[in-house]
Every structure is written in C-alpha cells, then in structure tokens.
Amino acid sequence: MECKNNPLKSIDGIRSASYFEDNPIRSVIHFLKYRNHRATASILGHILVDTYRAYGLEVDVIVPVPLHPSRFRERGYNQSELLARQMAIILDLPVDTKTLQRVRKTKSQMELGVSERRRNVLNAFVGNSQQLAGQRVLLIDDVCTTGSTLDACAAALKDSGAISVWGLTLARAR
C-alpha cells in the first residue's frame, strides 16, 4: 500500500507492509520500539523483505531513518536500523548508517497534525557525505503516517547525490 496522506516533494514513493490501526503488527512494533524486544526485528525484517519483493523495488543500499543522538542514548538502539540490518542480511545489500544524520532534535510526531509534522522535521536531517552519490536508496522506518519524516530524509539524501529514494515501512496510518 502507498502512503499518500500529503504532497511529498523529495521521496520517489513510499510502500508499507500493512495498516497500523486494528492490526496485531501495531503491538509488535511497539514491543520493538518502546519495550526493548529487539528479537522481533528478525520477524519484522522478513515482513519488510516480502513487501520489498512484492513491489519489485530495486535499490543499491538500505538506509534506516536515524534517531537524534540523544534519543539513541535514551533507547540504546535504533529500531529502524535493526530492521534495515535484518533486510540487508536476507537481500545481500549494504546498509549505510553514516551518511544520513538527524542533526536537530524534533518533537514526537505522534501528537502533531500534517502541516506541523512537515515543519517539525524540516532541516532535521543532513546527508554528510557524497557516499551515496549515484545510488538508489531504500529508506527504512517502522511507521508512515504522513510521510513527512521520510520525505525530509529523502531531501537530505538527494542533496547528497542519491538518484532515487524509496521509503519502506512496516505499517502506515490510514
């Protein structure tokens, strides 16, 4: 399913494995993201691989949506990176966790409306090298609500020379 809740400018497209509401995957995502159940990343990674293959996406590298360093210290891991690494093993693709960085701490997107989400992540990400120049990038996150975070990441990656950026998430909000 495609995430089409607002006009996105930089990302080439977003695909999701399922809907978030009224779905058991919601609990599994929350266990991974908020309760330190990292083992669920393996199962969820397989779901993402199945979705990637079903849509026939072709990429050169996988990039997880980065956390701000302070959030990473609080949580101790990045759930998107765990998912990306599981996919990379199965698909035999590289994972780049260095090029895209979150340079500005943002509010939680959960309480924000569409336009507030877009403003919240504006200039929050940078591509700090030309490492991905000429590459087709698969951007991984757990949930897509409006696509604002994925779009902001895609803008930074394209500013760093990526030729295309597709987003892939486990779930999307209706």
C-alpha atoms as a PDB file:
ATOM      1  CA  MET A   1       0.000   0.000   0.000  1.00  0.00           C
ATOM      2  CA  GLU A   2       1.158   3.508  -0.768  1.00  0.00           C
ATOM      3  CA  CYS A   3       1.343   6.303   1.795  1.00  0.00           C
ATOM      4  CA  LYS A   4      -0.465   9.275   0.209  1.00  0.00           C
ATOM      5  CA  ASN A   5      -1.635  11.439   3.092  1.00  0.00           C
ATOM      6  CA  ASN A   6       0.089  14.652   1.921  1.00  0.00           C
ATOM      7  CA  PRO A   7       2.012  16.029  -1.024  1.00  0.00           C
ATOM      8  CA  LEU A   8       5.582  14.808  -0.772  1.00  0.00           C
ATOM      9  CA  LYS A   9       8.329  16.554  -2.686  1.00  0.00           C
ATOM     10  CA  SER A  10      11.554  14.575  -2.453  1.00  0.00           C
ATOM     11  CA  ILE A  11      10.779  10.898  -1.962  1.00  0.00           C
ATOM     12  CA  ASP A  12      10.106   8.808  -5.079  1.00  0.00           C
ATOM     13  CA  GLY A  13       7.465   6.720  -3.319  1.00  0.00           C
ATOM     14  CA  ILE A  14       6.557   5.020  -0.064  1.00  0.00           C
ATOM     15  CA  ARG A  15       5.385   1.455   0.340  1.00  0.00           C
ATOM     16  CA  SER A  16       4.099  -0.176   3.519  1.00  0.00           C
ATOM     17  CA  ALA A  17       3.511  -3.782   4.509  1.00  0.00           C
ATOM     18  CA  SER A  18       0.221  -3.161   6.320  1.00  0.00           C
ATOM     19  CA  TYR A  19      -2.068  -0.700   8.033  1.00  0.00           C
ATOM     20  CA  PHE A  20      -1.221   0.303  11.602  1.00  0.00           C
ATOM     21  CA  GLU A  21      -4.701   0.553  13.125  1.00  0.00           C
ATOM     22  CA  ASP A  22      -6.621  -2.562  14.165  1.00  0.00           C
ATOM     23  CA  ASN A  23      -3.668  -4.778  13.324  1.00  0.00           C
ATOM     24  CA  PRO A  24      -1.551  -7.043  15.551  1.00  0.00           C
ATOM     25  CA  ILE A  25       1.577  -5.604  13.919  1.00  0.00           C
ATOM     26  CA  ARG A  26       0.958  -2.440  15.944  1.00  0.00           C
ATOM     27  CA  SER A  27       1.720  -4.288  19.183  1.00  0.00           C
ATOM     28  CA  VAL A  28       4.807  -5.922  17.721  1.00  0.00           C
ATOM     29  CA  ILE A  29       6.125  -2.559  16.519  1.00  0.00           C
ATOM     30  CA  HIS A  30       5.527  -1.080  19.973  1.00  0.00           C
ATOM     31  CA  PHE A  31       7.342  -4.001  21.609  1.00  0.00           C
ATOM     32  CA  LEU A  32      10.323  -3.375  19.348  1.00  0.00           C
ATOM     33  CA  LYS A  33      10.280   0.394  19.619  1.00  0.00           C
ATOM     34  CA  TYR A  34       9.363   1.016  23.257  1.00  0.00           C
ATOM     35  CA  ARG A  35       9.933  -2.211  25.200  1.00  0.00           C
ATOM     36  CA  ASN A  36      13.372  -3.299  24.000  1.00  0.00           C
ATOM     37  CA  HIS A  37      12.144  -6.504  22.347  1.00  0.00           C
ATOM     38  CA  ARG A  38      14.889  -6.430  19.710  1.00  0.00           C
ATOM     39  CA  ALA A  39      14.338 -10.072  18.743  1.00  0.00           C
ATOM     40  CA  THR A  40      11.131  -9.040  16.966  1.00  0.00           C
ATOM     41  CA  ALA A  41      13.277  -7.198  14.399  1.00  0.00           C
ATOM     42  CA  SER A  42      14.073 -10.523  12.730  1.00  0.00           C
ATOM     43  CA  ILE A  43      10.416 -11.357  12.066  1.00  0.00           C
ATOM     44  CA  LEU A  44       9.587  -7.788  11.083  1.00  0.00           C
ATOM     45  CA  GLY A  45      12.609  -7.695   8.774  1.00  0.00           C
ATOM     46  CA  HIS A  46      11.219 -10.704   6.911  1.00  0.00           C
ATOM     47  CA  ILE A  47       7.894  -8.898   6.510  1.00  0.00           C
ATOM     48  CA  LEU A  48       9.722  -5.908   5.027  1.00  0.00           C
ATOM     49  CA  VAL A  49      11.655  -8.159   2.636  1.00  0.00           C
ATOM     50  CA  ASP A  50       8.416  -9.756   1.441  1.00  0.00           C
ATOM     51  CA  THR A  51       6.942  -6.290   0.871  1.00  0.00           C
ATOM     52  CA  TYR A  52      10.092  -5.085  -0.913  1.00  0.00           C
ATOM     53  CA  ARG A  53       9.946  -8.061  -3.260  1.00  0.00           C
ATOM     54  CA  ALA A  54       6.183  -7.782  -3.822  1.00  0.00           C
ATOM     55  CA  TYR A  55       6.605  -4.217  -5.067  1.00  0.00           C
ATOM     56  CA  GLY A  56       9.587  -5.108  -7.264  1.00  0.00           C
ATOM     57  CA  LEU A  57      11.759  -2.365  -5.824  1.00  0.00           C
ATOM     58  CA  GLU A  58      15.384  -2.316  -6.891  1.00  0.00           C
ATOM     59  CA  VAL A  59      17.942  -0.451  -4.814  1.00  0.00           C
ATOM     60  CA  ASP A  60      21.680  -0.339  -4.211  1.00  0.00           C
ATOM     61  CA  VAL A  61      21.754   0.427  -0.496  1.00  0.00           C
ATOM     62  CA  ILE A  62      19.489   0.413   2.572  1.00  0.00           C
ATOM     63  CA  VAL A  63      19.405   3.439   4.895  1.00  0.00           C
ATOM     64  CA  PRO A  64      17.498   3.463   8.196  1.00  0.00           C
ATOM     65  CA  VAL A  65      15.823   6.673   9.369  1.00  0.00           C
ATOM     66  CA  PRO A  66      18.248   7.908  12.021  1.00  0.00           C
ATOM     67  CA  LEU A  67      17.424   8.855  15.581  1.00  0.00           C
ATOM     68  CA  HIS A  68      18.779  12.017  17.154  1.00  0.00           C
ATOM     69  CA  PRO A  69      21.851  11.097  19.267  1.00  0.00           C
ATOM     70  CA  SER A  70      20.026  11.986  22.495  1.00  0.00           C
ATOM     71  CA  ARG A  71      17.104   9.692  21.594  1.00  0.00           C
ATOM     72  CA  PHE A  72      19.551   6.941  20.652  1.00  0.00           C
ATOM     73  CA  ARG A  73      21.215   7.253  24.069  1.00  0.00           C
ATOM     74  CA  GLU A  74      17.810   7.028  25.800  1.00  0.00           C
ATOM     75  CA  ARG A  75      16.642   3.980  23.857  1.00  0.00           C
ATOM     76  CA  GLY A  76      20.022   2.304  23.343  1.00  0.00           C
ATOM     77  CA  TYR A  77      19.268   1.314  19.738  1.00  0.00           C
ATOM     78  CA  ASN A  78      17.538   2.489  16.579  1.00  0.00           C
ATOM     79  CA  GLN A  79      14.603   0.234  15.662  1.00  0.00           C
ATOM     80  CA  SER A  80      14.831   1.289  12.003  1.00  0.00           C
ATOM     81  CA  GLU A  81      18.483   0.275  11.901  1.00  0.00           C
ATOM     82  CA  LEU A  82      17.661  -3.145  13.356  1.00  0.00           C
ATOM     83  CA  LEU A  83      15.044  -3.632  10.624  1.00  0.00           C
ATOM     84  CA  ALA A  84      17.426  -2.425   7.910  1.00  0.00           C
ATOM     85  CA  ARG A  85      20.163  -4.812   9.066  1.00  0.00           C
ATOM     86  CA  GLN A  86      17.776  -7.776   9.009  1.00  0.00           C
ATOM     87  CA  MET A  87      16.725  -6.890   5.474  1.00  0.00           C
ATOM     88  CA  ALA A  88      20.327  -6.444   4.378  1.00  0.00           C
ATOM     89  CA  ILE A  89      21.225  -9.959   5.502  1.00  0.00           C
ATOM     90  CA  ILE A  90      18.406 -11.514   3.501  1.00  0.00           C
ATOM     91  CA  LEU A  91      18.781  -9.318   0.411  1.00  0.00           C
ATOM     92  CA  ASP A  92      22.588  -9.190   0.470  1.00  0.00           C
ATOM     93  CA  LEU A  93      22.589  -5.401   0.299  1.00  0.00           C
ATOM     94  CA  PRO A  94      24.769  -2.907   2.176  1.00  0.00           C
ATOM     95  CA  VAL A  95      23.392  -0.767   4.997  1.00  0.00           C
ATOM     96  CA  ASP A  96      24.597   2.824   5.322  1.00  0.00           C
ATOM     97  CA  THR A  97      24.155   4.279   8.816  1.00  0.00           C
ATOM     98  CA  LYS A  98      26.682   7.111   8.433  1.00  0.00           C
ATOM     99  CA  THR A  99      25.580   9.287   5.512  1.00  0.00           C
ATOM    100  CA  LEU A 100      22.130  10.338   6.767  1.00  0.00           C
ATOM    101  CA  GLN A 101      22.131  12.017  10.161  1.00  0.00           C
ATOM    102  CA  ARG A 102      19.463  13.644  12.306  1.00  0.00           C
ATOM    103  CA  VAL A 103      21.068  16.926  13.327  1.00  0.00           C
ATOM    104  CA  ARG A 104      18.143  18.546  15.077  1.00  0.00           C
ATOM    105  CA  LYS A 105      16.090  17.083  17.893  1.00  0.00           C
ATOM    106  CA  THR A 106      12.423  17.064  16.947  1.00  0.00           C
ATOM    107  CA  LYS A 107       9.185  16.696  18.851  1.00  0.00           C
ATOM    108  CA  SER A 108       7.436  13.357  18.743  1.00  0.00           C
ATOM    109  CA  GLN A 109       5.373  13.275  15.543  1.00  0.00           C
ATOM    110  CA  MET A 110       2.544  11.374  17.266  1.00  0.00           C
ATOM    111  CA  GLU A 111       0.844  14.480  18.672  1.00  0.00           C
ATOM    112  CA  LEU A 112       1.246  16.674  15.574  1.00  0.00           C
ATOM    113  CA  GLY A 113      -1.006  17.379  12.609  1.00  0.00           C
ATOM    114  CA  VAL A 114       0.044  17.118   8.963  1.00  0.00           C
ATOM    115  CA  SER A 115       1.487  20.616   8.498  1.00  0.00           C
ATOM    116  CA  GLU A 116       3.070  20.571  11.964  1.00  0.00           C
ATOM    117  CA  ARG A 117       4.787  17.264  11.150  1.00  0.00           C
ATOM    118  CA  ARG A 118       6.269  18.724   7.995  1.00  0.00           C
ATOM    119  CA  ARG A 119       7.595  21.785   9.861  1.00  0.00           C
ATOM    120  CA  ASN A 120       8.849  19.620  12.724  1.00  0.00           C
ATOM    121  CA  VAL A 121      11.230  17.616  10.518  1.00  0.00           C
ATOM    122  CA  LEU A 122      12.215  20.444   8.146  1.00  0.00           C
ATOM    123  CA  ASN A 123      16.036  20.569   8.042  1.00  0.00           C
ATOM    124  CA  ALA A 124      16.271  17.944  10.789  1.00  0.00           C
ATOM    125  CA  PHE A 125      18.323  15.622   8.554  1.00  0.00           C
ATOM    126  CA  VAL A 126      21.519  16.060   6.570  1.00  0.00           C
ATOM    127  CA  GLY A 127      23.492  13.872   4.250  1.00  0.00           C
ATOM    128  CA  ASN A 128      27.031  14.400   5.476  1.00  0.00           C
ATOM    129  CA  SER A 129      28.936  12.949   2.517  1.00  0.00           C
ATOM    130  CA  GLN A 130      28.751  12.001  -1.140  1.00  0.00           C
ATOM    131  CA  GLN A 131      28.972   8.301  -0.188  1.00  0.00           C
ATOM    132  CA  LEU A 132      25.581   7.582  -1.746  1.00  0.00           C
ATOM    133  CA  ALA A 133      26.054   9.697  -4.892  1.00  0.00           C
ATOM    134  CA  GLY A 134      24.545   7.884  -7.862  1.00  0.00           C
ATOM    135  CA  GLN A 135      22.913   5.259  -5.625  1.00  0.00           C
ATOM    136  CA  ARG A 136      19.299   4.057  -5.450  1.00  0.00           C
ATOM    137  CA  VAL A 137      18.370   4.190  -1.752  1.00  0.00           C
ATOM    138  CA  LEU A 138      15.788   2.241   0.232  1.00  0.00           C
ATOM    139  CA  LEU A 139      14.853   4.252   3.329  1.00  0.00           C
ATOM    140  CA  ILE A 140      13.522   2.149   6.230  1.00  0.00           C
ATOM    141  CA  ASP A 141      11.219   3.257   9.034  1.00  0.00           C
ATOM    142  CA  ASP A 142       8.671   1.493  11.204  1.00  0.00           C
ATOM    143  CA  VAL A 143       5.521   3.548  10.560  1.00  0.00           C
ATOM    144  CA  CYS A 144       4.399   6.074   7.931  1.00  0.00           C
ATOM    145  CA  THR A 145       1.697   8.483   8.989  1.00  0.00           C
ATOM    146  CA  THR A 146       2.037  11.481   6.671  1.00  0.00           C
ATOM    147  CA  GLY A 147       5.378  10.645   5.062  1.00  0.00           C
ATOM    148  CA  SER A 148       6.943  13.882   6.335  1.00  0.00           C
ATOM    149  CA  THR A 149       9.897  12.198   8.043  1.00  0.00           C
ATOM    150  CA  LEU A 150      10.641  10.000   5.036  1.00  0.00           C
ATOM    151  CA  ASP A 151      10.351  12.983   2.704  1.00  0.00           C
ATOM    152  CA  ALA A 152      12.727  15.087   4.817  1.00  0.00           C
ATOM    153  CA  CYS A 153      15.227  12.218   4.834  1.00  0.00           C
ATOM    154  CA  ALA A 154      14.890  11.804   1.063  1.00  0.00           C
ATOM    155  CA  ALA A 155      15.618  15.511   0.543  1.00  0.00           C
ATOM    156  CA  ALA A 156      18.857  15.204   2.544  1.00  0.00           C
ATOM    157  CA  LEU A 157      19.873  12.036   0.689  1.00  0.00           C
ATOM    158  CA  LYS A 158      19.192  13.577  -2.707  1.00  0.00           C
ATOM    159  CA  ASP A 159      21.128  16.693  -1.699  1.00  0.00           C
ATOM    160  CA  SER A 160      23.998  14.259  -1.112  1.00  0.00           C
ATOM    161  CA  GLY A 161      23.681  12.807  -4.597  1.00  0.00           C
ATOM    162  CA  ALA A 162      21.304   9.829  -4.271  1.00  0.00           C
ATOM    163  CA  ILE A 163      19.499   9.364  -7.579  1.00  0.00           C
ATOM    164  CA  SER A 164      16.354   7.868  -6.075  1.00  0.00           C
ATOM    165  CA  VAL A 165      14.930   7.283  -2.607  1.00  0.00           C
ATOM    166  CA  TRP A 166      12.056   4.911  -1.875  1.00  0.00           C
ATOM    167  CA  GLY A 167      10.578   4.574   1.592  1.00  0.00           C
ATOM    168  CA  LEU A 168       9.549   1.227   3.043  1.00  0.00           C
ATOM    169  CA  THR A 169       7.701   0.866   6.336  1.00  0.00           C
ATOM    170  CA  LEU A 170       6.052  -1.906   8.287  1.00  0.00           C
ATOM    171  CA  ALA A 171       2.811  -0.011   8.647  1.00  0.00           C
ATOM    172  CA  ARG A 172       1.035   3.110   7.615  1.00  0.00           C
ATOM    173  CA  ALA A 173      -1.687   5.082   9.304  1.00  0.00           C
ATOM    174  CA  ARG A 174      -4.977   5.288   7.438  1.00  0.00           C
END
